[in-house]
Amino acid sequence: MIRYFLISPYSSRKIGIDIMVDYLQTYPNATWFLAVFNREDIDNMSCEEFKKAYPLKKEWQLTFEDLQACDWTLVYTPEE
């Protein structure tokens, strides 16, 4: 099963994350792919431009075990 959620920076919206946590607890061998993009790129690029440039800033591939090991805390700094 693949699910996509777009969450704005500093958002208090947690429903997407809650669903993934439940899913990872149910299927601990599943991998969660989390990607960070610049919101301005998403807002200002056409779909074609976005697909061509794919301006990915950071990506994580995590299992339930990985998330437990980092205490469910992921940090992204724009300097990366």
PDB file of N, CA and C in Angstrom:
ATOM      1  N   MET A   1       0.841  -1.166   0.000  1.00  0.00           N
ATOM      2  CA  MET A   1       0.000   0.000   0.000  1.00  0.00           C
ATOM      3  C   MET A   1       0.892   1.237   0.000  1.00  0.00           C
ATOM      4  N   ILE A   2       0.602   2.180  -0.853  1.00  0.00           N
ATOM      5  CA  ILE A   2       1.355   3.431  -0.918  1.00  0.00           C
ATOM      6  C   ILE A   2       0.398   4.566  -0.574  1.00  0.00           C
ATOM      7  N   ARG A   3       0.828   5.456   0.308  1.00  0.00           N
ATOM      8  CA  ARG A   3       0.026   6.626   0.674  1.00  0.00           C
ATOM      9  C   ARG A   3       0.891   7.864   0.534  1.00  0.00           C
ATOM     10  N   TYR A   4       0.278   8.944   0.127  1.00  0.00           N
ATOM     11  CA  TYR A   4       0.978  10.213  -0.009  1.00  0.00           C
ATOM     12  C   TYR A   4       0.300  11.255   0.861  1.00  0.00           C
ATOM     13  N   PHE A   5       1.084  12.037   1.559  1.00  0.00           N
ATOM     14  CA  PHE A   5       0.570  13.135   2.366  1.00  0.00           C
ATOM     15  C   PHE A   5       1.482  14.333   2.193  1.00  0.00           C
ATOM     16  N   LEU A   6       0.896  15.496   2.067  1.00  0.00           N
ATOM     17  CA  LEU A   6       1.657  16.733   2.001  1.00  0.00           C
ATOM     18  C   LEU A   6       1.344  17.508   3.268  1.00  0.00           C
ATOM     19  N   ILE A   7       2.357  17.766   4.057  1.00  0.00           N
ATOM     20  CA  ILE A   7       2.183  18.476   5.320  1.00  0.00           C
ATOM     21  C   ILE A   7       3.027  19.733   5.274  1.00  0.00           C
ATOM     22  N   SER A   8       2.406  20.859   5.530  1.00  0.00           N
ATOM     23  CA  SER A   8       3.110  22.140   5.521  1.00  0.00           C
ATOM     24  C   SER A   8       4.109  22.207   6.669  1.00  0.00           C
ATOM     25  N   PRO A   9       5.201  22.964   6.475  1.00  0.00           N
ATOM     26  CA  PRO A   9       6.162  23.132   7.573  1.00  0.00           C
ATOM     27  C   PRO A   9       5.489  23.714   8.815  1.00  0.00           C
ATOM     28  N   TYR A  10       5.901  23.267   9.972  1.00  0.00           N
ATOM     29  CA  TYR A  10       5.403  23.731  11.267  1.00  0.00           C
ATOM     30  C   TYR A  10       3.912  23.453  11.451  1.00  0.00           C
ATOM     31  N   SER A  11       3.366  22.541  10.691  1.00  0.00           N
ATOM     32  CA  SER A  11       1.953  22.217  10.774  1.00  0.00           C
ATOM     33  C   SER A  11       1.660  21.432  12.039  1.00  0.00           C
ATOM     34  N   SER A  12       0.475  21.642  12.596  1.00  0.00           N
ATOM     35  CA  SER A  12       0.055  20.830  13.730  1.00  0.00           C
ATOM     36  C   SER A  12      -0.788  19.647  13.245  1.00  0.00           C
ATOM     37  N   ARG A  13      -0.960  19.538  11.939  1.00  0.00           N
ATOM     38  CA  ARG A  13      -1.729  18.438  11.356  1.00  0.00           C
ATOM     39  C   ARG A  13      -0.968  17.134  11.562  1.00  0.00           C
ATOM     40  N   LYS A  14      -1.614  16.181  12.176  1.00  0.00           N
ATOM     41  CA  LYS A  14      -0.926  14.935  12.485  1.00  0.00           C
ATOM     42  C   LYS A  14      -1.602  13.717  11.878  1.00  0.00           C
ATOM     43  N   ILE A  15      -2.718  13.877  11.209  1.00  0.00           N
ATOM     44  CA  ILE A  15      -3.461  12.706  10.751  1.00  0.00           C
ATOM     45  C   ILE A  15      -2.642  11.827   9.822  1.00  0.00           C
ATOM     46  N   GLY A  16      -1.883  12.402   8.904  1.00  0.00           N
ATOM     47  CA  GLY A  16      -1.068  11.598   8.000  1.00  0.00           C
ATOM     48  C   GLY A  16      -0.016  10.808   8.739  1.00  0.00           C
ATOM     49  N   ILE A  17       0.634  11.435   9.691  1.00  0.00           N
ATOM     50  CA  ILE A  17       1.669  10.773  10.483  1.00  0.00           C
ATOM     51  C   ILE A  17       1.049   9.670  11.335  1.00  0.00           C
ATOM     52  N   ASP A  18      -0.095   9.949  11.948  1.00  0.00           N
ATOM     53  CA  ASP A  18      -0.760   8.950  12.778  1.00  0.00           C
ATOM     54  C   ASP A  18      -1.087   7.689  11.992  1.00  0.00           C
ATOM     55  N   ILE A  19      -1.543   7.855  10.756  1.00  0.00           N
ATOM     56  CA  ILE A  19      -1.867   6.707   9.913  1.00  0.00           C
ATOM     57  C   ILE A  19      -0.606   5.891   9.638  1.00  0.00           C
ATOM     58  N   MET A  20       0.507   6.574   9.346  1.00  0.00           N
ATOM     59  CA  MET A  20       1.752   5.867   9.060  1.00  0.00           C
ATOM     60  C   MET A  20       2.278   5.146  10.303  1.00  0.00           C
ATOM     61  N   VAL A  21       2.159   5.764  11.464  1.00  0.00           N
ATOM     62  CA  VAL A  21       2.611   5.120  12.705  1.00  0.00           C
ATOM     63  C   VAL A  21       1.811   3.839  12.925  1.00  0.00           C
ATOM     64  N   ASP A  22       0.499   3.918  12.781  1.00  0.00           N
ATOM     65  CA  ASP A  22      -0.336   2.729  12.944  1.00  0.00           C
ATOM     66  C   ASP A  22       0.051   1.659  11.936  1.00  0.00           C
ATOM     67  N   TYR A  23       0.291   2.071  10.696  1.00  0.00           N
ATOM     68  CA  TYR A  23       0.648   1.121   9.643  1.00  0.00           C
ATOM     69  C   TYR A  23       1.985   0.442   9.951  1.00  0.00           C
ATOM     70  N   LEU A  24       2.977   1.231  10.373  1.00  0.00           N
ATOM     71  CA  LEU A  24       4.299   0.673  10.677  1.00  0.00           C
ATOM     72  C   LEU A  24       4.259  -0.243  11.897  1.00  0.00           C
ATOM     73  N   GLN A  25       3.398   0.055  12.855  1.00  0.00           N
ATOM     74  CA  GLN A  25       3.276  -0.825  14.014  1.00  0.00           C
ATOM     75  C   GLN A  25       2.607  -2.141  13.623  1.00  0.00           C
ATOM     76  N   THR A  26       1.675  -2.074  12.670  1.00  0.00           N
ATOM     77  CA  THR A  26       0.992  -3.275  12.208  1.00  0.00           C
ATOM     78  C   THR A  26       1.892  -4.117  11.312  1.00  0.00           C
ATOM     79  N   TYR A  27       2.676  -3.431  10.459  1.00  0.00           N
ATOM     80  CA  TYR A  27       3.580  -4.103   9.513  1.00  0.00           C
ATOM     81  C   TYR A  27       5.006  -3.616   9.761  1.00  0.00           C
ATOM     82  N   PRO A  28       5.674  -4.143  10.781  1.00  0.00           N
ATOM     83  CA  PRO A  28       6.991  -3.617  11.178  1.00  0.00           C
ATOM     84  C   PRO A  28       8.087  -3.760  10.132  1.00  0.00           C
ATOM     85  N   ASN A  29       7.902  -4.603   9.138  1.00  0.00           N
ATOM     86  CA  ASN A  29       8.913  -4.744   8.091  1.00  0.00           C
ATOM     87  C   ASN A  29       8.687  -3.783   6.926  1.00  0.00           C
ATOM     88  N   ALA A  30       7.625  -2.999   6.990  1.00  0.00           N
ATOM     89  CA  ALA A  30       7.338  -2.029   5.937  1.00  0.00           C
ATOM     90  C   ALA A  30       8.366  -0.899   6.001  1.00  0.00           C
ATOM     91  N   THR A  31       8.562  -0.213   4.889  1.00  0.00           N
ATOM     92  CA  THR A  31       9.493   0.912   4.827  1.00  0.00           C
ATOM     93  C   THR A  31       8.705   2.179   4.543  1.00  0.00           C
ATOM     94  N   TRP A  32       9.009   3.212   5.295  1.00  0.00           N
ATOM     95  CA  TRP A  32       8.373   4.516   5.120  1.00  0.00           C
ATOM     96  C   TRP A  32       9.361   5.401   4.391  1.00  0.00           C
ATOM     97  N   PHE A  33       8.947   5.931   3.257  1.00  0.00           N
ATOM     98  CA  PHE A  33       9.763   6.858   2.475  1.00  0.00           C
ATOM     99  C   PHE A  33       9.254   8.254   2.755  1.00  0.00           C
ATOM    100  N   LEU A  34      10.097   9.085   3.315  1.00  0.00           N
ATOM    101  CA  LEU A  34       9.727  10.452   3.663  1.00  0.00           C
ATOM    102  C   LEU A  34      10.624  11.398   2.885  1.00  0.00           C
ATOM    103  N   ALA A  35      10.005  12.326   2.150  1.00  0.00           N
ATOM    104  CA  ALA A  35      10.776  13.254   1.315  1.00  0.00           C
ATOM    105  C   ALA A  35      10.477  14.693   1.717  1.00  0.00           C
ATOM    106  N   VAL A  36      11.499  15.529   1.614  1.00  0.00           N
ATOM    107  CA  VAL A  36      11.366  16.955   1.915  1.00  0.00           C
ATOM    108  C   VAL A  36      11.597  17.732   0.619  1.00  0.00           C
ATOM    109  N   PHE A  37      10.639  18.604   0.319  1.00  0.00           N
ATOM    110  CA  PHE A  37      10.729  19.498  -0.831  1.00  0.00           C
ATOM    111  C   PHE A  37      10.527  20.922  -0.353  1.00  0.00           C
ATOM    112  N   ASN A  38      11.014  21.876  -1.117  1.00  0.00           N
ATOM    113  CA  ASN A  38      10.784  23.290  -0.835  1.00  0.00           C
ATOM    114  C   ASN A  38       9.368  23.623  -1.275  1.00  0.00           C
ATOM    115  N   ARG A  39       8.576  24.168  -0.375  1.00  0.00           N
ATOM    116  CA  ARG A  39       7.174  24.499  -0.686  1.00  0.00           C
ATOM    117  C   ARG A  39       7.084  25.452  -1.871  1.00  0.00           C
ATOM    118  N   GLU A  40       8.024  26.367  -2.006  1.00  0.00           N
ATOM    119  CA  GLU A  40       8.008  27.306  -3.137  1.00  0.00           C
ATOM    120  C   GLU A  40       8.149  26.560  -4.461  1.00  0.00           C
ATOM    121  N   ASP A  41       8.955  25.509  -4.501  1.00  0.00           N
ATOM    122  CA  ASP A  41       9.080  24.706  -5.720  1.00  0.00           C
ATOM    123  C   ASP A  41       7.743  24.064  -6.070  1.00  0.00           C
ATOM    124  N   ILE A  42       7.082  23.514  -5.074  1.00  0.00           N
ATOM    125  CA  ILE A  42       5.795  22.864  -5.299  1.00  0.00           C
ATOM    126  C   ILE A  42       4.768  23.878  -5.801  1.00  0.00           C
ATOM    127  N   ASP A  43       4.753  25.063  -5.193  1.00  0.00           N
ATOM    128  CA  ASP A  43       3.770  26.083  -5.562  1.00  0.00           C
ATOM    129  C   ASP A  43       4.051  26.725  -6.915  1.00  0.00           C
ATOM    130  N   ASN A  44       5.308  26.860  -7.281  1.00  0.00           N
ATOM    131  CA  ASN A  44       5.652  27.654  -8.459  1.00  0.00           C
ATOM    132  C   ASN A  44       6.005  26.855  -9.710  1.00  0.00           C
ATOM    133  N   MET A  45       6.270  25.579  -9.581  1.00  0.00           N
ATOM    134  CA  MET A  45       6.634  24.776 -10.750  1.00  0.00           C
ATOM    135  C   MET A  45       5.395  24.090 -11.325  1.00  0.00           C
ATOM    136  N   SER A  46       5.375  23.966 -12.629  1.00  0.00           N
ATOM    137  CA  SER A  46       4.318  23.166 -13.243  1.00  0.00           C
ATOM    138  C   SER A  46       4.615  21.708 -12.937  1.00  0.00           C
ATOM    139  N   CYS A  47       3.646  20.841 -13.136  1.00  0.00           N
ATOM    140  CA  CYS A  47       3.861  19.404 -12.901  1.00  0.00           C
ATOM    141  C   CYS A  47       5.012  18.882 -13.756  1.00  0.00           C
ATOM    142  N   GLU A  48       5.061  19.338 -15.006  1.00  0.00           N
ATOM    143  CA  GLU A  48       6.112  18.885 -15.905  1.00  0.00           C
ATOM    144  C   GLU A  48       7.491  19.339 -15.427  1.00  0.00           C
ATOM    145  N   GLU A  49       7.588  20.612 -14.996  1.00  0.00           N
ATOM    146  CA  GLU A  49       8.868  21.132 -14.483  1.00  0.00           C
ATOM    147  C   GLU A  49       9.296  20.365 -13.238  1.00  0.00           C
ATOM    148  N   PHE A  50       8.331  20.134 -12.356  1.00  0.00           N
ATOM    149  CA  PHE A  50       8.626  19.450 -11.106  1.00  0.00           C
ATOM    150  C   PHE A  50       9.132  18.033 -11.377  1.00  0.00           C
ATOM    151  N   LYS A  51       8.451  17.308 -12.259  1.00  0.00           N
ATOM    152  CA  LYS A  51       8.875  15.947 -12.589  1.00  0.00           C
ATOM    153  C   LYS A  51      10.267  15.927 -13.211  1.00  0.00           C
ATOM    154  N   LYS A  52      10.554  16.912 -14.063  1.00  0.00           N
ATOM    155  CA  LYS A  52      11.861  16.965 -14.729  1.00  0.00           C
ATOM    156  C   LYS A  52      12.976  17.314 -13.740  1.00  0.00           C
ATOM    157  N   ALA A  53      12.771  18.337 -12.929  1.00  0.00           N
ATOM    158  CA  ALA A  53      13.802  18.796 -11.987  1.00  0.00           C
ATOM    159  C   ALA A  53      13.842  17.942 -10.720  1.00  0.00           C
ATOM    160  N   TYR A  54      12.687  17.454 -10.280  1.00  0.00           N
ATOM    161  CA  TYR A  54      12.513  16.701  -9.036  1.00  0.00           C
ATOM    162  C   TYR A  54      13.420  17.269  -7.944  1.00  0.00           C
ATOM    163  N   PRO A  55      13.071  18.474  -7.455  1.00  0.00           N
ATOM    164  CA  PRO A  55      13.940  19.199  -6.508  1.00  0.00           C
ATOM    165  C   PRO A  55      13.898  18.659  -5.071  1.00  0.00           C
ATOM    166  N   LEU A  56      14.271  17.429  -4.913  1.00  0.00           N
ATOM    167  CA  LEU A  56      14.286  16.769  -3.615  1.00  0.00           C
ATOM    168  C   LEU A  56      15.369  17.381  -2.730  1.00  0.00           C
ATOM    169  N   LYS A  57      15.004  17.748  -1.516  1.00  0.00           N
ATOM    170  CA  LYS A  57      15.965  18.320  -0.566  1.00  0.00           C
ATOM    171  C   LYS A  57      16.545  17.267   0.370  1.00  0.00           C
ATOM    172  N   LYS A  58      15.712  16.312   0.789  1.00  0.00           N
ATOM    173  CA  LYS A  58      16.148  15.265   1.722  1.00  0.00           C
ATOM    174  C   LYS A  58      15.174  14.104   1.623  1.00  0.00           C
ATOM    175  N   GLU A  59      15.692  12.896   1.777  1.00  0.00           N
ATOM    176  CA  GLU A  59      14.833  11.717   1.766  1.00  0.00           C
ATOM    177  C   GLU A  59      15.295  10.747   2.838  1.00  0.00           C
ATOM    178  N   TRP A  60      14.328  10.158   3.513  1.00  0.00           N
ATOM    179  CA  TRP A  60      14.597   9.106   4.480  1.00  0.00           C
ATOM    180  C   TRP A  60      13.852   7.847   4.041  1.00  0.00           C
ATOM    181  N   GLN A  61      14.444   6.686   4.294  1.00  0.00           N
ATOM    182  CA  GLN A  61      13.797   5.394   4.108  1.00  0.00           C
ATOM    183  C   GLN A  61      13.893   4.691   5.450  1.00  0.00           C
ATOM    184  N   LEU A  62      12.759   4.553   6.118  1.00  0.00           N
ATOM    185  CA  LEU A  62      12.762   4.124   7.507  1.00  0.00           C
ATOM    186  C   LEU A  62      11.815   2.962   7.762  1.00  0.00           C
ATOM    187  N   THR A  63      12.235   2.070   8.634  1.00  0.00           N
ATOM    188  CA  THR A  63      11.365   1.008   9.125  1.00  0.00           C
ATOM    189  C   THR A  63      10.912   1.395  10.533  1.00  0.00           C
ATOM    190  N   PHE A  64      10.010   0.621  11.067  1.00  0.00           N
ATOM    191  CA  PHE A  64       9.556   0.842  12.445  1.00  0.00           C
ATOM    192  C   PHE A  64      10.740   0.814  13.405  1.00  0.00           C
ATOM    193  N   GLU A  65      11.651  -0.133  13.204  1.00  0.00           N
ATOM    194  CA  GLU A  65      12.842  -0.250  14.050  1.00  0.00           C
ATOM    195  C   GLU A  65      13.728   0.998  13.945  1.00  0.00           C
ATOM    196  N   ASP A  66      13.897   1.517  12.728  1.00  0.00           N
ATOM    197  CA  ASP A  66      14.687   2.739  12.532  1.00  0.00           C
ATOM    198  C   ASP A  66      14.081   3.902  13.314  1.00  0.00           C
ATOM    199  N   LEU A  67      12.763   4.028  13.231  1.00  0.00           N
ATOM    200  CA  LEU A  67      12.091   5.131  13.915  1.00  0.00           C
ATOM    201  C   LEU A  67      12.184   5.001  15.428  1.00  0.00           C
ATOM    202  N   GLN A  68      12.089   3.794  15.923  1.00  0.00           N
ATOM    203  CA  GLN A  68      12.260   3.605  17.368  1.00  0.00           C
ATOM    204  C   GLN A  68      13.682   3.949  17.792  1.00  0.00           C
ATOM    205  N   ALA A  69      14.659   3.593  16.971  1.00  0.00           N
ATOM    206  CA  ALA A  69      16.063   3.857  17.300  1.00  0.00           C
ATOM    207  C   ALA A  69      16.363   5.349  17.386  1.00  0.00           C
ATOM    208  N   CYS A  70      15.673   6.163  16.586  1.00  0.00           N
ATOM    209  CA  CYS A  70      15.914   7.619  16.633  1.00  0.00           C
ATOM    210  C   CYS A  70      14.833   8.330  17.448  1.00  0.00           C
ATOM    211  N   ASP A  71      14.093   7.565  18.247  1.00  0.00           N
ATOM    212  CA  ASP A  71      13.036   8.113  19.106  1.00  0.00           C
ATOM    213  C   ASP A  71      12.011   8.898  18.288  1.00  0.00           C
ATOM    214  N   TRP A  72      11.742   8.449  17.064  1.00  0.00           N
ATOM    215  CA  TRP A  72      10.725   9.033  16.187  1.00  0.00           C
ATOM    216  C   TRP A  72      11.022  10.502  15.881  1.00  0.00           C
ATOM    217  N   THR A  73      12.290  10.868  15.909  1.00  0.00           N
ATOM    218  CA  THR A  73      12.671  12.243  15.655  1.00  0.00           C
ATOM    219  C   THR A  73      13.573  12.315  14.423  1.00  0.00           C
ATOM    220  N   LEU A  74      13.124  13.057  13.421  1.00  0.00           N
ATOM    221  CA  LEU A  74      13.914  13.290  12.216  1.00  0.00           C
ATOM    222  C   LEU A  74      14.153  14.783  12.112  1.00  0.00           C
ATOM    223  N   VAL A  75      15.367  15.155  11.790  1.00  0.00           N
ATOM    224  CA  VAL A  75      15.703  16.567  11.711  1.00  0.00           C
ATOM    225  C   VAL A  75      16.229  16.868  10.320  1.00  0.00           C
ATOM    226  N   TYR A  76      15.668  17.896   9.718  1.00  0.00           N
ATOM    227  CA  TYR A  76      16.161  18.369   8.436  1.00  0.00           C
ATOM    228  C   TYR A  76      16.622  19.809   8.600  1.00  0.00           C
ATOM    229  N   THR A  77      17.838  20.076   8.180  1.00  0.00           N
ATOM    230  CA  THR A  77      18.317  21.462   8.165  1.00  0.00           C
ATOM    231  C   THR A  77      18.580  21.834   6.703  1.00  0.00           C
ATOM    232  N   PRO A  78      18.108  22.975   6.267  1.00  0.00           N
ATOM    233  CA  PRO A  78      18.267  23.374   4.859  1.00  0.00           C
ATOM    234  C   PRO A  78      19.702  23.379   4.355  1.00  0.00           C
ATOM    235  N   GLU A  79      20.682  23.473   5.243  1.00  0.00           N
ATOM    236  CA  GLU A  79      22.072  23.507   4.832  1.00  0.00           C
ATOM    237  C   GLU A  79      22.534  22.172   4.277  1.00  0.00           C
ATOM    238  N   GLU A  80      21.784  21.087   4.557  1.00  0.00           N
ATOM    239  CA  GLU A  80      22.204  19.753   4.087  1.00  0.00           C
ATOM    240  C   GLU A  80      22.270  19.780   2.622  1.00  0.00           C
TER     241      GLU A  80
END
